[in-house]
Structures are given as C-alpha cells and as structure tokens.
Protein backbone atom coordinates (compact mmCIF):
# COMPACT_ATOMS: atom_id res chain seq x y z
CA MET A 1 15.93 11.92 22.20
CA ALA A 2 13.26 9.40 23.02
CA LYS A 3 9.53 11.71 22.99
CA THR A 4 6.10 10.41 24.28
CA ILE A 5 3.34 10.84 22.48
CA ALA A 6 -0.14 9.40 22.38
CA VAL A 7 -1.68 7.20 20.35
CA SER A 8 -5.99 6.71 20.25
CA ASP A 9 -6.48 2.62 21.74
CA ASP A 10 -7.30 1.25 18.12
CA VAL A 11 -3.91 2.55 17.15
CA TYR A 12 -1.52 0.89 19.77
CA GLU A 13 -3.46 -1.96 18.41
CA MET A 14 -2.80 -1.55 15.22
CA LEU A 15 0.95 -0.60 15.76
CA SER A 16 0.30 -3.90 18.39
CA LYS A 17 -0.04 -6.05 16.56
CA ALA A 18 2.07 -5.20 13.71
CA LYS A 19 5.32 -4.84 15.55
CA MET A 20 7.33 -7.59 15.35
CA LYS A 21 9.56 -10.03 17.88
CA ASN A 22 11.69 -7.65 20.44
CA GLU A 23 11.04 -4.45 17.38
CA SER A 24 10.41 -2.02 20.33
CA PHE A 25 7.05 0.56 19.02
CA SER A 26 10.11 3.01 17.19
CA SER A 27 11.03 0.80 14.46
CA VAL A 28 7.53 -0.86 13.22
CA ILE A 29 5.80 2.65 13.03
CA ARG A 30 10.22 3.60 11.15
CA ARG A 31 8.52 0.52 9.16
CA LEU A 32 5.71 0.64 8.50
CA LEU A 33 6.72 5.18 6.92
CA LYS A 34 9.10 3.41 4.80
CA ARG A 35 6.48 1.73 2.63
CA GLN A 36 6.77 2.00 -0.76
CA LYS A 37 4.37 5.24 -2.31
CA ILE A 38 2.21 3.76 -5.19
CA SER A 39 3.48 5.91 -7.11
CA ASP A 40 6.38 3.89 -6.96
CA ILE A 41 5.28 0.72 -7.83
CA PRO A 42 6.48 1.87 -12.32
CA LYS A 43 10.34 2.29 -10.93
CA ILE A 44 9.64 -2.06 -9.75
CA PHE A 45 8.76 -2.89 -12.81
CA ASP A 46 10.94 -3.13 -16.32
CA LYS A 47 9.13 -1.08 -19.58
CA ASP A 48 8.33 -3.72 -21.21
CA GLU A 49 6.03 -5.69 -17.62
CA TRP A 50 4.99 -2.05 -16.62
CA ALA A 51 3.97 -2.05 -20.77
CA LYS A 52 1.78 -5.18 -20.12
CA ILE A 53 0.35 -3.94 -16.28
CA GLU A 54 -0.29 -0.93 -18.34
CA LYS A 55 -2.38 -2.52 -21.05
CA ALA A 56 -3.94 -4.96 -18.95
CA PHE A 57 -5.39 -2.21 -16.83
CA LYS A 58 -6.64 -0.47 -19.88
CA GLU A 59 -7.85 -4.03 -21.24
CA GLN A 60 -9.51 -4.67 -17.72
CA LYS A 61 -11.02 -0.77 -17.60
CA LYS A 62 -12.94 -1.41 -20.92
CA LEU A 63 -14.81 -4.37 -20.07
CA ASP A 64 -15.13 -2.89 -16.70
CA THR A 65 -17.31 0.05 -18.45
CA LYS A 66 -18.78 -2.18 -21.09
CA ARG A 67 -20.92 -4.04 -18.40
CA THR A 68 -21.37 -1.50 -16.24
CA LYS A 69 -23.17 0.10 -19.45
CA GLU A 70 -25.22 -3.72 -19.48
CA LEU A 71 -26.57 -3.84 -16.20
CA LEU A 72 -27.79 0.17 -16.67
C-alpha cells in the first residue's frame, strides 16, 4: 500500500540527485535508510586491521593535541 508524504523542496532536490536511473523515490529512500551505521565499521575489518586503525587514530589524536597546545 502506498502512502503520500510531504517533503520540503530542498529534500526533494536531494532525493532527486540521489535517485538512480529507473529508481523510484521509495527505492532511493529505502537504499539511503539501509546505509551502514558508523558503529558497524569495526565489523568490516578483521581484528588485526581494526587494531591498526585504532592505533593510527590514537596516534593522530596525540599529534593533534600536541599541535593544539603549541598553537595556544
């Protein structure tokens, strides 16, 4: 069963740009809603890969903190 919803012009434009050829608006909304959550990212990598990514983030955070202190 279909339902009618109202969306603002800017949302309509965003949906139109996201819509692929021959895709319905229902399909584009469904596709966009199914996108992965950031909390799912660790599940994509194996444990060793994820450990390397976490290490890189921690090292970058330390560098950012150091640089911020230098600038202040």
